């Protein structure tokens, strides 16, 4: 009973466990990969704007897989992200879709314009 009440307020606990596990995997990487992967995750958090917990968890777990494999294979970081790390991160995030925080504001904006247009006397 208490767990369901807590999940209503803070979200599914299983998602939080999976997110923390992916974060711990990144923190366990060798230094240069850890630094790049942490910067990558930070950028995804700001750029992605995804509000769907399942999508975020899947994206972060996949990112951990990517960076772990790269570290294991000793793949040069530039071979992973290319010359434009921003483009790499944004393309990566776009592959996941998911609901974004801006979706709600887009709908609110469209509704407000539609309502105003109906009331427009001209």
Protein backbone atom coordinates (compact mmCIF):
# COMPACT_ATOMS: atom_id res chain seq x y z
CA UNK A 1 0.00 0.00 0.00
CA UNK A 2 2.70 2.47 0.97
CA UNK A 3 4.80 1.67 -2.12
CA UNK A 4 1.87 2.46 -4.43
CA UNK A 5 1.28 5.76 -2.66
CA UNK A 6 4.96 6.68 -2.97
CA UNK A 7 4.96 5.71 -6.65
CA UNK A 8 2.01 8.04 -7.26
CA UNK A 9 4.11 10.92 -5.98
CA UNK A 10 7.63 10.11 -7.18
CA UNK A 11 7.02 7.66 -10.04
CA UNK A 12 7.71 3.95 -10.42
CA UNK A 13 10.43 2.73 -8.08
CA UNK A 14 11.60 0.09 -10.58
CA UNK A 15 12.39 2.84 -13.10
CA UNK A 16 14.46 4.66 -10.51
CA UNK A 17 16.40 1.46 -9.77
CA UNK A 18 17.07 0.92 -13.48
CA UNK A 19 18.12 4.55 -13.94
CA UNK A 20 20.51 4.34 -10.99
CA UNK A 21 21.93 1.07 -12.32
CA UNK A 22 22.65 2.67 -15.71
CA UNK A 23 24.21 5.68 -13.96
CA UNK A 24 26.40 3.37 -11.85
CA UNK A 25 27.55 1.58 -15.01
CA UNK A 26 28.67 4.91 -16.46
CA UNK A 27 30.45 5.85 -13.22
CA UNK A 28 32.37 2.56 -13.36
CA UNK A 29 33.90 3.31 -16.79
CA UNK A 30 37.59 4.18 -17.21
CA UNK A 31 38.28 7.91 -16.89
CA UNK A 32 38.14 9.21 -20.47
CA UNK A 33 35.03 7.19 -21.31
CA UNK A 34 33.37 8.10 -18.01
CA UNK A 35 33.91 11.80 -18.63
CA UNK A 36 32.52 11.63 -22.16
CA UNK A 37 29.60 9.40 -21.13
CA UNK A 38 28.66 11.64 -18.17
CA UNK A 39 28.72 14.69 -20.43
CA UNK A 40 26.63 12.77 -22.97
CA UNK A 41 24.05 11.82 -20.33
CA UNK A 42 23.92 15.36 -18.98
CA UNK A 43 23.31 16.71 -22.48
CA UNK A 44 20.59 14.10 -23.10
CA UNK A 45 18.85 15.16 -19.89
CA UNK A 46 18.70 18.79 -21.03
CA UNK A 47 18.18 18.27 -24.75
CA UNK A 48 15.88 15.26 -24.72
CA UNK A 49 13.18 16.74 -22.52
CA UNK A 50 11.60 13.30 -22.41
CA UNK A 51 9.05 12.85 -19.65
CA UNK A 52 8.24 9.19 -20.21
CA UNK A 53 10.15 7.22 -17.58
CA UNK A 54 10.30 3.99 -19.57
CA UNK A 55 11.84 5.82 -22.53
CA UNK A 56 14.40 7.59 -20.36
CA UNK A 57 15.44 4.36 -18.65
CA UNK A 58 15.79 2.54 -21.98
CA UNK A 59 17.78 5.42 -23.48
CA UNK A 60 20.16 5.59 -20.51
CA UNK A 61 20.64 1.82 -20.41
CA UNK A 62 21.42 1.82 -24.13
CA UNK A 63 23.88 4.67 -23.62
CA UNK A 64 25.57 2.69 -20.84
CA UNK A 65 25.78 -0.30 -23.21
CA UNK A 66 27.34 1.89 -25.90
CA UNK A 67 29.99 3.39 -23.64
CA UNK A 68 30.82 0.10 -21.91
CA UNK A 69 31.33 -1.59 -25.28
CA UNK A 70 33.46 1.30 -26.50
CA UNK A 71 35.63 1.16 -23.38
CA UNK A 72 35.99 -2.60 -23.64
CA UNK A 73 37.00 -2.37 -27.31
CA UNK A 74 39.13 0.74 -26.63
CA UNK A 75 37.29 2.58 -29.38
CA UNK A 76 38.54 6.16 -29.64
CA UNK A 77 35.95 8.58 -28.27
CA UNK A 78 35.90 10.60 -31.51
CA UNK A 79 35.09 7.40 -33.39
CA UNK A 80 31.95 7.15 -31.26
CA UNK A 81 30.69 10.73 -31.31
CA UNK A 82 32.34 11.94 -34.51
CA UNK A 83 33.35 15.53 -35.17
CA UNK A 84 30.04 16.92 -33.90
CA UNK A 85 29.17 15.47 -30.49
CA UNK A 86 26.00 17.59 -30.32
CA UNK A 87 24.68 16.08 -33.56
CA UNK A 88 25.54 12.61 -32.26
CA UNK A 89 23.68 13.17 -28.97
CA UNK A 90 20.65 14.75 -30.61
CA UNK A 91 20.37 11.99 -33.20
CA UNK A 92 20.69 9.42 -30.43
CA UNK A 93 17.89 11.07 -28.41
CA UNK A 94 15.60 11.46 -31.44
CA UNK A 95 15.76 7.71 -32.02
CA UNK A 96 13.80 7.22 -28.79
CA UNK A 97 10.85 9.51 -29.46
CA UNK A 98 8.80 9.45 -26.28
CA UNK A 99 6.70 12.21 -24.80
CA UNK A 100 8.58 15.43 -24.21
CA UNK A 101 7.77 18.22 -21.77
CA UNK A 102 7.24 20.60 -24.69
CA UNK A 103 4.41 18.43 -26.07
CA UNK A 104 2.06 19.69 -23.34
CA UNK A 105 2.97 23.31 -24.08
CA UNK A 106 2.53 22.81 -27.83
CA UNK A 107 -0.98 21.46 -27.25
CA UNK A 108 -1.78 24.31 -24.86
CA UNK A 109 -0.53 26.88 -27.39
CA UNK A 110 -2.51 25.34 -30.26
CA UNK A 111 -5.67 25.24 -28.13
CA UNK A 112 -5.24 28.88 -27.10
CA UNK A 113 -4.78 30.00 -30.72
CA UNK A 114 -7.77 27.92 -31.87
CA UNK A 115 -9.94 29.44 -29.13
CA UNK A 116 -8.76 32.96 -29.92
CA UNK A 117 -9.36 32.41 -33.65
CA UNK A 118 -12.96 31.32 -32.96
CA UNK A 119 -13.55 34.49 -30.92
CA UNK A 120 -11.91 36.74 -33.51
CA UNK A 121 -14.58 39.19 -34.77
CA UNK A 122 -12.85 39.94 -38.07
